[in-house]
Amino acid sequence: MSVFAFSEAPLLTAEMQAKMTPDDALTRLKAGNQRFVNNVPLPTNLIKKARLSAKGQYPSAVILACMDSRIPTEIVFDQNIGNIFVTRVAANIISDAILGGLEFATKVSGAKLIVVLGHDSCGAIKGACQNVQLGHLTEVLAKIQPAIQKTKATLKKQNCNDLDFINLAAKNNVRFVIKRIPKRSPIIQTLIKEGKIKIVGAMYHLSTGRVEFFE
């Protein structure tokens, strides 16, 4: 049996995590999202899993997602307690704190996959497009500007009320973050070179629940 084929939601063990490859971890997430889209989640006893996971955690992946309330990450991927790390921030940007979390998840706790998860109709992307200035949010939105400028160059326009512009900017932002992570983190860069982990991008579609992975 593969490490990702189950009839009941599993709690990952150290042995299961050790045998898992980055591609296995990705396949698990794709299968979980398909179950979510089909509204057929694996059955589970959450309280039982909470008790069992108190003894240790062996997640398969770490998801860097936007903080949007419409993207409950574990639910979207139909993942049980203890099976994935999730770190969330507006527009799935990186910072020293975020990078530290990704390094802990992969180097220390053995996660095989990093997923940078953006989504369509992202308010933070629109805010960056509109050059919103608001307290600490200003610094967050400034990190999205490279994606805004790339999108403007591609489409030969900048229309912050155009969903096509905003959604392409969100995709470009994911791609920029994917490139920045190994550049900013020698630890993660080494793990990628050694084939121990992968980093992939994805977009969540709010109206369908489907996650589109960048191949």
N, C-alpha and C. Protein backbone atom coordinates (compact mmCIF):
# COMPACT_ATOMS: atom_id res chain seq x y z
N MET A 1 0.85 -1.20 0.00
CA MET A 1 0.00 0.00 0.00
C MET A 1 0.88 1.24 0.00
N SER A 2 0.48 2.26 -0.77
CA SER A 2 1.26 3.49 -0.81
C SER A 2 1.09 4.24 0.49
N VAL A 3 1.96 5.23 0.70
CA VAL A 3 1.92 5.98 1.95
C VAL A 3 0.80 7.00 1.95
N PHE A 4 0.04 7.11 0.84
CA PHE A 4 -1.00 8.13 0.80
C PHE A 4 -2.37 7.56 0.48
N ALA A 5 -2.54 6.25 0.42
CA ALA A 5 -3.84 5.65 0.13
C ALA A 5 -4.45 5.12 1.42
N PHE A 6 -5.54 5.74 1.85
CA PHE A 6 -6.18 5.37 3.11
C PHE A 6 -7.69 5.42 2.96
N SER A 7 -8.40 4.55 3.69
CA SER A 7 -9.86 4.60 3.74
C SER A 7 -10.33 5.38 4.96
N GLU A 8 -9.44 5.62 5.90
CA GLU A 8 -9.74 6.41 7.09
C GLU A 8 -8.60 7.40 7.30
N ALA A 9 -8.95 8.59 7.76
CA ALA A 9 -7.93 9.63 7.94
C ALA A 9 -6.85 9.14 8.90
N PRO A 10 -5.59 9.08 8.45
CA PRO A 10 -4.52 8.57 9.30
C PRO A 10 -3.88 9.67 10.13
N LEU A 11 -3.22 9.28 11.17
CA LEU A 11 -2.29 10.17 11.87
C LEU A 11 -0.90 9.71 11.47
N LEU A 12 -0.15 10.57 10.83
CA LEU A 12 1.16 10.17 10.33
C LEU A 12 2.10 9.82 11.48
N THR A 13 2.86 8.77 11.28
CA THR A 13 3.84 8.32 12.26
C THR A 13 5.24 8.65 11.76
N ALA A 14 6.23 8.49 12.63
CA ALA A 14 7.62 8.74 12.24
C ALA A 14 8.02 7.81 11.10
N GLU A 15 7.59 6.56 11.15
CA GLU A 15 7.93 5.60 10.10
C GLU A 15 7.31 6.00 8.77
N MET A 16 6.05 6.41 8.80
CA MET A 16 5.37 6.83 7.57
C MET A 16 6.04 8.06 6.98
N GLN A 17 6.39 9.00 7.83
CA GLN A 17 7.05 10.22 7.34
C GLN A 17 8.41 9.90 6.74
N ALA A 18 9.16 9.01 7.38
CA ALA A 18 10.50 8.66 6.91
C ALA A 18 10.46 8.01 5.53
N LYS A 19 9.43 7.22 5.26
CA LYS A 19 9.31 6.53 3.98
C LYS A 19 8.78 7.43 2.87
N MET A 20 8.20 8.55 3.24
CA MET A 20 7.54 9.42 2.29
C MET A 20 8.54 10.25 1.49
N THR A 21 8.28 10.40 0.20
CA THR A 21 9.08 11.27 -0.65
C THR A 21 8.34 12.60 -0.82
N PRO A 22 9.04 13.63 -1.32
CA PRO A 22 8.34 14.88 -1.61
C PRO A 22 7.16 14.69 -2.57
N ASP A 23 7.34 13.82 -3.57
CA ASP A 23 6.24 13.57 -4.51
C ASP A 23 5.07 12.87 -3.82
N ASP A 24 5.37 11.97 -2.88
CA ASP A 24 4.30 11.34 -2.11
C ASP A 24 3.50 12.39 -1.34
N ALA A 25 4.21 13.32 -0.72
CA ALA A 25 3.55 14.36 0.05
C ALA A 25 2.65 15.21 -0.84
N LEU A 26 3.13 15.51 -2.04
CA LEU A 26 2.33 16.29 -2.98
C LEU A 26 1.10 15.51 -3.42
N THR A 27 1.27 14.23 -3.68
CA THR A 27 0.15 13.39 -4.09
C THR A 27 -0.91 13.34 -3.00
N ARG A 28 -0.48 13.27 -1.74
CA ARG A 28 -1.42 13.27 -0.62
C ARG A 28 -2.28 14.54 -0.63
N LEU A 29 -1.64 15.67 -0.86
CA LEU A 29 -2.38 16.94 -0.85
C LEU A 29 -3.33 17.02 -2.03
N LYS A 30 -2.88 16.58 -3.20
CA LYS A 30 -3.76 16.60 -4.37
C LYS A 30 -4.98 15.71 -4.16
N ALA A 31 -4.74 14.53 -3.60
CA ALA A 31 -5.85 13.61 -3.35
C ALA A 31 -6.80 14.19 -2.31
N GLY A 32 -6.24 14.82 -1.28
CA GLY A 32 -7.07 15.42 -0.24
C GLY A 32 -7.92 16.55 -0.78
N ASN A 33 -7.35 17.38 -1.65
CA ASN A 33 -8.14 18.46 -2.23
C ASN A 33 -9.24 17.92 -3.14
N GLN A 34 -8.96 16.84 -3.84
CA GLN A 34 -10.00 16.24 -4.68
C GLN A 34 -11.15 15.74 -3.82
N ARG A 35 -10.83 15.15 -2.67
CA ARG A 35 -11.89 14.71 -1.76
C ARG A 35 -12.70 15.91 -1.27
N PHE A 36 -12.02 17.02 -0.97
CA PHE A 36 -12.71 18.22 -0.52
C PHE A 36 -13.66 18.73 -1.60
N VAL A 37 -13.17 18.81 -2.83
CA VAL A 37 -14.00 19.28 -3.94
C VAL A 37 -15.21 18.37 -4.14
N ASN A 38 -15.00 17.07 -3.98
CA ASN A 38 -16.09 16.10 -4.15
C ASN A 38 -16.97 15.96 -2.91
N ASN A 39 -16.60 16.67 -1.84
CA ASN A 39 -17.34 16.62 -0.57
C ASN A 39 -17.39 15.20 0.00
N VAL A 40 -16.26 14.50 -0.07
CA VAL A 40 -16.18 13.15 0.49
C VAL A 40 -14.92 13.04 1.37
N PRO A 41 -14.83 13.80 2.45
CA PRO A 41 -13.65 13.74 3.31
C PRO A 41 -13.51 12.37 3.97
N LEU A 42 -12.27 12.00 4.27
CA LEU A 42 -12.05 10.75 4.99
C LEU A 42 -12.64 10.85 6.39
N PRO A 43 -13.26 9.77 6.87
CA PRO A 43 -13.80 9.79 8.24
C PRO A 43 -12.67 9.86 9.26
N THR A 44 -12.93 10.52 10.36
CA THR A 44 -11.91 10.63 11.39
C THR A 44 -12.54 10.90 12.74
N ASN A 45 -11.80 10.58 13.77
CA ASN A 45 -12.18 10.89 15.15
C ASN A 45 -11.19 11.95 15.63
N LEU A 46 -11.60 13.20 15.58
CA LEU A 46 -10.67 14.30 15.85
C LEU A 46 -10.14 14.30 17.27
N ILE A 47 -11.00 14.01 18.23
CA ILE A 47 -10.55 13.99 19.62
C ILE A 47 -9.53 12.87 19.83
N LYS A 48 -9.78 11.72 19.24
CA LYS A 48 -8.82 10.62 19.34
C LYS A 48 -7.49 11.01 18.72
N LYS A 49 -7.54 11.65 17.53
CA LYS A 49 -6.31 12.06 16.86
C LYS A 49 -5.59 13.14 17.67
N ALA A 50 -6.35 14.01 18.33
CA ALA A 50 -5.72 15.04 19.17
C ALA A 50 -4.93 14.39 20.30
N ARG A 51 -5.53 13.39 20.93
CA ARG A 51 -4.83 12.69 22.03
C ARG A 51 -3.57 12.00 21.52
N LEU A 52 -3.69 11.31 20.39
CA LEU A 52 -2.55 10.57 19.85
C LEU A 52 -1.43 11.52 19.41
N SER A 53 -1.81 12.63 18.79
CA SER A 53 -0.80 13.56 18.28
C SER A 53 -0.08 14.31 19.38
N ALA A 54 -0.64 14.29 20.59
CA ALA A 54 0.03 14.95 21.72
C ALA A 54 1.38 14.31 22.01
N LYS A 55 1.57 13.07 21.55
CA LYS A 55 2.81 12.35 21.80
C LYS A 55 3.92 12.74 20.81
N GLY A 56 3.56 13.39 19.72
CA GLY A 56 4.56 13.78 18.72
C GLY A 56 3.89 14.10 17.40
N GLN A 57 4.61 14.84 16.54
CA GLN A 57 4.05 15.21 15.24
C GLN A 57 5.05 14.88 14.13
N TYR A 58 4.50 14.36 13.02
CA TYR A 58 5.34 13.96 11.88
C TYR A 58 4.66 14.39 10.57
N PRO A 59 4.50 15.70 10.37
CA PRO A 59 3.77 16.19 9.20
C PRO A 59 4.47 15.88 7.88
N SER A 60 3.67 15.76 6.83
CA SER A 60 4.21 15.49 5.50
C SER A 60 4.61 16.75 4.77
N ALA A 61 3.98 17.88 5.11
CA ALA A 61 4.19 19.11 4.34
C ALA A 61 3.98 20.33 5.22
N VAL A 62 4.45 21.47 4.72
CA VAL A 62 4.18 22.75 5.37
C VAL A 62 3.58 23.66 4.31
N ILE A 63 2.46 24.28 4.64
CA ILE A 63 1.75 25.15 3.72
C ILE A 63 1.92 26.60 4.17
N LEU A 64 2.45 27.43 3.28
CA LEU A 64 2.48 28.88 3.51
C LEU A 64 1.31 29.46 2.73
N ALA A 65 0.26 29.84 3.45
CA ALA A 65 -0.98 30.26 2.81
C ALA A 65 -1.33 31.69 3.19
N CYS A 66 -2.22 32.27 2.40
CA CYS A 66 -2.77 33.58 2.75
C CYS A 66 -3.68 33.41 3.97
N MET A 67 -3.87 34.49 4.72
CA MET A 67 -4.68 34.43 5.94
C MET A 67 -6.17 34.53 5.67
N ASP A 68 -6.58 34.63 4.42
CA ASP A 68 -7.99 34.78 4.07
C ASP A 68 -8.86 33.74 4.79
N SER A 69 -9.94 34.20 5.39
CA SER A 69 -10.79 33.32 6.20
C SER A 69 -11.50 32.26 5.39
N ARG A 70 -11.52 32.40 4.08
CA ARG A 70 -12.23 31.44 3.22
C ARG A 70 -11.34 30.28 2.78
N ILE A 71 -10.13 30.21 3.34
CA ILE A 71 -9.22 29.12 2.97
C ILE A 71 -8.78 28.36 4.22
N PRO A 72 -9.67 27.54 4.79
CA PRO A 72 -9.28 26.73 5.95
C PRO A 72 -8.37 25.60 5.49
N THR A 73 -7.09 25.79 5.63
CA THR A 73 -6.11 25.00 4.89
C THR A 73 -6.20 23.50 5.13
N GLU A 74 -6.29 23.08 6.39
CA GLU A 74 -6.39 21.65 6.66
C GLU A 74 -7.65 21.05 6.02
N ILE A 75 -8.74 21.80 6.03
CA ILE A 75 -9.99 21.31 5.45
C ILE A 75 -9.87 21.22 3.93
N VAL A 76 -9.30 22.24 3.33
CA VAL A 76 -9.15 22.29 1.87
C VAL A 76 -8.36 21.10 1.35
N PHE A 77 -7.39 20.63 2.13
CA PHE A 77 -6.58 19.48 1.73
C PHE A 77 -7.01 18.19 2.43
N ASP A 78 -8.10 18.24 3.17
CA ASP A 78 -8.62 17.08 3.90
C ASP A 78 -7.50 16.38 4.67
N GLN A 79 -6.82 17.15 5.49
CA GLN A 79 -5.70 16.63 6.28
C GLN A 79 -6.05 16.61 7.76
N ASN A 80 -5.62 15.57 8.41
CA ASN A 80 -5.95 15.35 9.81
C ASN A 80 -5.08 16.19 10.74
N ILE A 81 -5.47 16.23 12.00
CA ILE A 81 -4.65 16.85 13.03
C ILE A 81 -3.25 16.22 13.00
N GLY A 82 -2.22 17.06 13.02
CA GLY A 82 -0.85 16.56 13.08
C GLY A 82 -0.22 16.20 11.75
N ASN A 83 -0.95 16.36 10.64
CA ASN A 83 -0.43 15.87 9.36
C ASN A 83 0.21 16.94 8.48
N ILE A 84 -0.11 18.21 8.70
CA ILE A 84 0.57 19.28 7.97
C ILE A 84 0.81 20.46 8.90
N PHE A 85 1.92 21.15 8.64
CA PHE A 85 2.14 22.46 9.26
C PHE A 85 1.44 23.50 8.40
N VAL A 86 0.90 24.53 9.03
CA VAL A 86 0.30 25.63 8.29
C VAL A 86 0.78 26.95 8.89
N THR A 87 1.31 27.82 8.04
CA THR A 87 1.66 29.17 8.47
C THR A 87 0.95 30.12 7.53
N ARG A 88 0.29 31.14 8.10
CA ARG A 88 -0.58 32.00 7.29
C ARG A 88 -0.28 33.48 7.54
N VAL A 89 -0.28 34.23 6.45
CA VAL A 89 -0.03 35.66 6.51
C VAL A 89 -0.62 36.27 5.25
N ALA A 90 -1.00 37.53 5.31
CA ALA A 90 -1.59 38.19 4.14
C ALA A 90 -0.71 38.00 2.91
N ALA A 91 -1.33 37.51 1.83
CA ALA A 91 -0.66 37.32 0.53
C ALA A 91 0.52 36.36 0.59
N ASN A 92 0.52 35.46 1.57
CA ASN A 92 1.54 34.42 1.68
C ASN A 92 2.96 34.94 1.41
N ILE A 93 3.29 36.07 2.03
CA ILE A 93 4.62 36.65 1.87
C ILE A 93 5.59 35.98 2.84
N ILE A 94 6.88 36.25 2.67
CA ILE A 94 7.86 35.70 3.61
C ILE A 94 8.48 36.81 4.45
N SER A 95 8.94 36.40 5.61
CA SER A 95 9.65 37.26 6.55
C SER A 95 10.63 36.37 7.28
N ASP A 96 11.45 36.93 8.14
CA ASP A 96 12.37 36.11 8.92
C ASP A 96 11.61 35.10 9.77
N ALA A 97 10.50 35.53 10.35
CA ALA A 97 9.71 34.63 11.19
C ALA A 97 9.12 33.49 10.37
N ILE A 98 8.59 33.81 9.20
CA ILE A 98 8.03 32.78 8.33
C ILE A 98 9.11 31.80 7.90
N LEU A 99 10.26 32.32 7.49
CA LEU A 99 11.36 31.45 7.06
C LEU A 99 11.82 30.54 8.19
N GLY A 100 11.87 31.08 9.40
CA GLY A 100 12.23 30.25 10.54
C GLY A 100 11.25 29.11 10.74
N GLY A 101 9.98 29.39 10.55
CA GLY A 101 8.97 28.34 10.66
C GLY A 101 9.13 27.28 9.59
N LEU A 102 9.42 27.70 8.36
CA LEU A 102 9.62 26.74 7.27
C LEU A 102 10.86 25.89 7.52
N GLU A 103 11.91 26.50 8.05
CA GLU A 103 13.12 25.74 8.37
C GLU A 103 12.86 24.73 9.48
N PHE A 104 12.10 25.13 10.48
CA PHE A 104 11.75 24.19 11.55
C PHE A 104 10.95 23.02 11.00
N ALA A 105 9.96 23.33 10.16
CA ALA A 105 9.08 22.29 9.63
C ALA A 105 9.84 21.27 8.81
N THR A 106 10.81 21.73 8.03
CA THR A 106 11.52 20.82 7.12
C THR A 106 12.76 20.21 7.75
N LYS A 107 13.67 21.04 8.21
CA LYS A 107 14.96 20.55 8.72
C LYS A 107 14.81 19.82 10.05
N VAL A 108 13.98 20.35 10.93
CA VAL A 108 13.85 19.77 12.28
C VAL A 108 12.77 18.70 12.33
N SER A 109 11.60 19.00 11.76
CA SER A 109 10.45 18.10 11.93
C SER A 109 10.21 17.18 10.75
N GLY A 110 10.99 17.32 9.68
CA GLY A 110 10.96 16.31 8.62
C GLY A 110 9.91 16.45 7.54
N ALA A 111 9.23 17.58 7.45
CA ALA A 111 8.26 17.77 6.37
C ALA A 111 8.97 17.69 5.03
N LYS A 112 8.33 17.05 4.06
CA LYS A 112 8.96 16.78 2.77
C LYS A 112 8.64 17.81 1.69
N LEU A 113 7.68 18.67 1.97
CA LEU A 113 7.16 19.55 0.92
C LEU A 113 6.81 20.91 1.49
N ILE A 114 7.17 21.96 0.76
CA ILE A 114 6.70 23.31 1.05
C ILE A 114 5.74 23.72 -0.06
N VAL A 115 4.55 24.14 0.31
CA VAL A 115 3.57 24.64 -0.66
C VAL A 115 3.30 26.11 -0.36
N VAL A 116 3.49 26.96 -1.35
CA VAL A 116 3.11 28.37 -1.24
C VAL A 116 1.74 28.49 -1.91
N LEU A 117 0.73 28.82 -1.11
CA LEU A 117 -0.65 28.77 -1.57
C LEU A 117 -1.27 30.17 -1.63
N GLY A 118 -1.46 30.67 -2.85
CA GLY A 118 -2.20 31.90 -3.06
C GLY A 118 -3.65 31.59 -3.39
N HIS A 119 -4.40 32.63 -3.72
CA HIS A 119 -5.80 32.40 -4.09
C HIS A 119 -6.31 33.54 -4.96
N ASP A 120 -7.40 33.29 -5.67
CA ASP A 120 -7.99 34.33 -6.50
C ASP A 120 -8.74 35.35 -5.64
N SER A 121 -8.99 36.50 -6.23
CA SER A 121 -9.71 37.60 -5.55
C SER A 121 -9.07 37.97 -4.22
N CYS A 122 -7.75 38.02 -4.19
CA CYS A 122 -7.02 38.27 -2.94
C CYS A 122 -7.05 39.76 -2.58
N GLY A 123 -7.57 40.07 -1.40
CA GLY A 123 -7.67 41.45 -0.96
C GLY A 123 -6.32 42.11 -0.75
N ALA A 124 -5.34 41.35 -0.27
CA ALA A 124 -4.00 41.91 -0.07
C ALA A 124 -3.35 42.28 -1.39
N ILE A 125 -3.56 41.46 -2.41
CA ILE A 125 -3.02 41.77 -3.73
C ILE A 125 -3.67 43.05 -4.26
N LYS A 126 -4.98 43.16 -4.09
CA LYS A 126 -5.67 44.38 -4.54
C LYS A 126 -5.17 45.59 -3.76
N GLY A 127 -4.96 45.42 -2.46
CA GLY A 127 -4.44 46.51 -1.65
C GLY A 127 -3.07 46.97 -2.11
N ALA A 128 -2.22 46.01 -2.47
CA ALA A 128 -0.89 46.36 -2.98
C ALA A 128 -1.00 47.09 -4.31
N CYS A 129 -1.92 46.62 -5.15
CA CYS A 129 -2.15 47.26 -6.44
C CYS A 129 -2.58 48.72 -6.26
N GLN A 130 -3.40 48.96 -5.24
CA GLN A 130 -3.92 50.30 -4.97
C GLN A 130 -2.97 51.13 -4.10
N ASN A 131 -1.83 50.54 -3.74
CA ASN A 131 -0.83 51.22 -2.91
C ASN A 131 -1.43 51.70 -1.59
N VAL A 132 -2.18 50.83 -0.95
CA VAL A 132 -2.81 51.15 0.33
C VAL A 132 -1.74 51.39 1.39
N GLN A 133 -1.94 52.40 2.22
CA GLN A 133 -1.04 52.72 3.33
C GLN A 133 -1.84 52.59 4.63
N LEU A 134 -1.49 51.64 5.46
CA LEU A 134 -2.24 51.42 6.70
C LEU A 134 -1.36 50.73 7.73
N GLY A 135 -0.79 51.49 8.64
CA GLY A 135 -0.02 50.92 9.73
C GLY A 135 1.00 49.90 9.28
N HIS A 136 1.06 48.78 9.98
CA HIS A 136 2.02 47.72 9.65
C HIS A 136 1.68 47.03 8.33
N LEU A 137 0.43 47.16 7.88
CA LEU A 137 0.04 46.55 6.61
C LEU A 137 0.83 47.14 5.44
N THR A 138 1.25 48.38 5.57
CA THR A 138 2.01 49.04 4.50
C THR A 138 3.26 48.24 4.14
N GLU A 139 3.97 47.77 5.16
CA GLU A 139 5.19 46.99 4.92
C GLU A 139 4.88 45.65 4.27
N VAL A 140 3.77 45.04 4.68
CA VAL A 140 3.36 43.77 4.08
C VAL A 140 3.08 43.95 2.59
N LEU A 141 2.28 44.95 2.26
CA LEU A 141 1.88 45.16 0.87
C LEU A 141 3.06 45.56 -0.01
N ALA A 142 4.05 46.21 0.58
CA ALA A 142 5.24 46.59 -0.20
C ALA A 142 5.95 45.36 -0.76
N LYS A 143 5.87 44.24 -0.07
CA LYS A 143 6.54 43.02 -0.52
C LYS A 143 5.86 42.40 -1.73
N ILE A 144 4.64 42.85 -2.02
CA ILE A 144 3.89 42.32 -3.16
C ILE A 144 4.16 43.12 -4.43
N GLN A 145 4.79 44.28 -4.30
CA GLN A 145 4.97 45.18 -5.45
C GLN A 145 5.69 44.54 -6.64
N PRO A 146 6.71 43.70 -6.43
CA PRO A 146 7.34 43.07 -7.61
C PRO A 146 6.34 42.28 -8.46
N ALA A 147 5.39 41.62 -7.82
CA ALA A 147 4.37 40.87 -8.56
C ALA A 147 3.43 41.81 -9.29
N ILE A 148 3.10 42.93 -8.66
CA ILE A 148 2.24 43.92 -9.31
C ILE A 148 2.93 44.48 -10.55
N GLN A 149 4.20 44.82 -10.42
CA GLN A 149 4.93 45.40 -11.54
C GLN A 149 5.12 44.41 -12.68
N LYS A 150 5.36 43.15 -12.34
CA LYS A 150 5.49 42.12 -13.39
C LYS A 150 4.18 41.94 -14.13
N THR A 151 3.09 41.95 -13.40
CA THR A 151 1.77 41.80 -14.02
C THR A 151 1.45 42.99 -14.91
N LYS A 152 1.79 44.17 -14.45
CA LYS A 152 1.59 45.38 -15.25
C LYS A 152 2.38 45.30 -16.55
N ALA A 153 3.61 44.81 -16.48
CA ALA A 153 4.44 44.68 -17.68
C ALA A 153 3.87 43.65 -18.64
N THR A 154 3.30 42.58 -18.09
CA THR A 154 2.75 41.51 -18.93
C THR A 154 1.47 41.95 -19.63
N LEU A 155 0.57 42.57 -18.88
CA LEU A 155 -0.74 42.94 -19.42
C LEU A 155 -0.77 44.33 -20.04
N LYS A 156 0.34 45.07 -19.89
CA LYS A 156 0.45 46.43 -20.43
C LYS A 156 -0.59 47.37 -19.83
N LYS A 157 -0.98 47.08 -18.59
CA LYS A 157 -1.94 47.95 -17.90
C LYS A 157 -1.90 47.61 -16.42
N GLN A 158 -2.48 48.49 -15.61
CA GLN A 158 -2.65 48.22 -14.19
C GLN A 158 -4.05 48.67 -13.78
N ASN A 159 -4.96 47.72 -13.75
CA ASN A 159 -6.34 48.00 -13.38
C ASN A 159 -6.66 47.21 -12.12
N CYS A 160 -6.71 47.89 -10.99
CA CYS A 160 -6.88 47.22 -9.70
C CYS A 160 -8.29 46.69 -9.49
N ASN A 161 -9.22 47.05 -10.36
CA ASN A 161 -10.59 46.53 -10.27
C ASN A 161 -10.84 45.39 -11.26
N ASP A 162 -9.81 45.02 -11.98
CA ASP A 162 -9.90 43.95 -12.97
C ASP A 162 -9.43 42.64 -12.32
N LEU A 163 -10.35 41.69 -12.17
CA LEU A 163 -10.00 40.43 -11.52
C LEU A 163 -8.92 39.67 -12.27
N ASP A 164 -8.90 39.78 -13.58
CA ASP A 164 -7.84 39.11 -14.35
C ASP A 164 -6.47 39.65 -13.93
N PHE A 165 -6.38 40.96 -13.73
CA PHE A 165 -5.12 41.55 -13.28
C PHE A 165 -4.77 41.06 -11.88
N ILE A 166 -5.74 41.12 -10.97
CA ILE A 166 -5.49 40.73 -9.57
C ILE A 166 -5.10 39.26 -9.48
N ASN A 167 -5.78 38.41 -10.23
CA ASN A 167 -5.51 36.97 -10.14
C ASN A 167 -4.16 36.61 -10.75
N LEU A 168 -3.79 37.27 -11.83
CA LEU A 168 -2.46 37.03 -12.40
C LEU A 168 -1.38 37.55 -11.45
N ALA A 169 -1.64 38.69 -10.82
CA ALA A 169 -0.68 39.22 -9.84
C ALA A 169 -0.52 38.27 -8.67
N ALA A 170 -1.61 37.63 -8.25
CA ALA A 170 -1.54 36.66 -7.15
C ALA A 170 -0.68 35.47 -7.55
N LYS A 171 -0.83 35.00 -8.79
CA LYS A 171 0.00 33.90 -9.28
C LYS A 171 1.47 34.32 -9.34
N ASN A 172 1.70 35.51 -9.86
CA ASN A 172 3.08 36.01 -9.93
C ASN A 172 3.68 36.16 -8.55
N ASN A 173 2.87 36.56 -7.59
CA ASN A 173 3.36 36.70 -6.21
C ASN A 173 3.79 35.34 -5.66
N VAL A 174 3.00 34.31 -5.92
CA VAL A 174 3.38 32.96 -5.49
C VAL A 174 4.72 32.56 -6.10
N ARG A 175 4.88 32.84 -7.38
CA ARG A 175 6.13 32.47 -8.07
C ARG A 175 7.33 33.23 -7.49
N PHE A 176 7.13 34.50 -7.18
CA PHE A 176 8.21 35.28 -6.57
C PHE A 176 8.59 34.70 -5.20
N VAL A 177 7.58 34.33 -4.41
CA VAL A 177 7.84 33.79 -3.07
C VAL A 177 8.60 32.46 -3.18
N ILE A 178 8.20 31.62 -4.13
CA ILE A 178 8.89 30.34 -4.33
C ILE A 178 10.38 30.56 -4.62
N LYS A 179 10.68 31.57 -5.41
CA LYS A 179 12.08 31.86 -5.74
C LYS A 179 12.83 32.45 -4.55
N ARG A 180 12.13 33.26 -3.75
CA ARG A 180 12.79 33.94 -2.64
C ARG A 180 13.14 32.99 -1.50
N ILE A 181 12.31 32.00 -1.26
CA ILE A 181 12.51 31.14 -0.09
C ILE A 181 13.90 30.51 -0.07
N PRO A 182 14.30 29.77 -1.12
CA PRO A 182 15.65 29.18 -1.08
C PRO A 182 16.77 30.21 -1.14
N LYS A 183 16.50 31.36 -1.76
CA LYS A 183 17.52 32.41 -1.80
C LYS A 183 17.76 32.99 -0.41
N ARG A 184 16.69 33.10 0.37
CA ARG A 184 16.80 33.67 1.71
C ARG A 184 17.20 32.64 2.76
N SER A 185 16.99 31.36 2.46
CA SER A 185 17.27 30.31 3.44
C SER A 185 18.26 29.29 2.90
N PRO A 186 19.53 29.37 3.27
CA PRO A 186 20.49 28.35 2.86
C PRO A 186 20.10 26.95 3.33
N ILE A 187 19.44 26.87 4.47
CA ILE A 187 19.01 25.56 4.98
C ILE A 187 18.04 24.91 4.02
N ILE A 188 17.04 25.65 3.60
CA ILE A 188 16.05 25.11 2.67
C ILE A 188 16.67 24.86 1.30
N GLN A 189 17.53 25.75 0.87
CA GLN A 189 18.22 25.57 -0.41
C GLN A 189 18.99 24.25 -0.43
N THR A 190 19.68 23.94 0.65
CA THR A 190 20.44 22.69 0.73
C THR A 190 19.52 21.48 0.70
N LEU A 191 18.41 21.53 1.44
CA LEU A 191 17.46 20.42 1.45
C LEU A 191 16.89 20.16 0.07
N ILE A 192 16.64 21.23 -0.69
CA ILE A 192 16.13 21.08 -2.05
C ILE A 192 17.19 20.44 -2.94
N LYS A 193 18.43 20.91 -2.85
CA LYS A 193 19.51 20.36 -3.67
C LYS A 193 19.76 18.89 -3.38
N GLU A 194 19.57 18.51 -2.12
CA GLU A 194 19.77 17.11 -1.72
C GLU A 194 18.57 16.23 -2.07
N GLY A 195 17.51 16.81 -2.58
CA GLY A 195 16.32 16.05 -2.95
C GLY A 195 15.46 15.63 -1.78
N LYS A 196 15.72 16.21 -0.61
CA LYS A 196 14.97 15.83 0.58
C LYS A 196 13.61 16.51 0.66
N ILE A 197 13.51 17.68 0.03
CA ILE A 197 12.23 18.38 0.01
C ILE A 197 12.01 18.98 -1.37
N LYS A 198 10.77 19.37 -1.63
CA LYS A 198 10.41 20.15 -2.81
C LYS A 198 9.65 21.39 -2.36
N ILE A 199 9.65 22.40 -3.21
CA ILE A 199 8.83 23.58 -2.97
C ILE A 199 7.99 23.81 -4.21
N VAL A 200 6.69 23.93 -4.04
CA VAL A 200 5.78 24.10 -5.17
C VAL A 200 4.82 25.24 -4.87
N GLY A 201 4.26 25.80 -5.93
CA GLY A 201 3.27 26.85 -5.80
C GLY A 201 1.89 26.34 -6.16
N ALA A 202 0.88 27.03 -5.66
CA ALA A 202 -0.49 26.63 -5.96
C ALA A 202 -1.43 27.82 -5.77
N MET A 203 -2.57 27.72 -6.43
CA MET A 203 -3.62 28.73 -6.29
C MET A 203 -4.92 28.05 -5.89
N TYR A 204 -5.58 28.62 -4.88
CA TYR A 204 -6.88 28.12 -4.43
C TYR A 204 -7.96 28.96 -5.10
N HIS A 205 -8.97 28.28 -5.65
CA HIS A 205 -10.07 28.96 -6.32
C HIS A 205 -11.28 28.99 -5.38
N LEU A 206 -11.64 30.18 -4.96
CA LEU A 206 -12.64 30.35 -3.92
C LEU A 206 -13.99 29.74 -4.28
N SER A 207 -14.41 29.87 -5.53
CA SER A 207 -15.77 29.46 -5.90
C SER A 207 -15.91 27.96 -6.09
N THR A 208 -14.80 27.25 -6.31
CA THR A 208 -14.88 25.81 -6.55
C THR A 208 -14.21 24.98 -5.47
N GLY A 209 -13.31 25.58 -4.70
CA GLY A 209 -12.56 24.83 -3.70
C GLY A 209 -11.37 24.08 -4.26
N ARG A 210 -11.15 24.21 -5.55
CA ARG A 210 -10.07 23.46 -6.18
C ARG A 210 -8.72 24.17 -6.02
N VAL A 211 -7.69 23.39 -5.75
CA VAL A 211 -6.33 23.90 -5.69
C VAL A 211 -5.62 23.56 -6.99
N GLU A 212 -5.13 24.59 -7.66
CA GLU A 212 -4.40 24.44 -8.91
C GLU A 212 -2.91 24.51 -8.60
N PHE A 213 -2.22 23.39 -8.74
CA PHE A 213 -0.78 23.35 -8.48
C PHE A 213 -0.01 23.79 -9.72
N PHE A 214 1.09 24.51 -9.51
CA PHE A 214 1.97 24.90 -10.61
C PHE A 214 2.92 23.75 -10.88
N GLU A 215 2.89 23.24 -12.06
CA GLU A 215 3.75 22.10 -12.40
C GLU A 215 5.01 22.60 -13.11
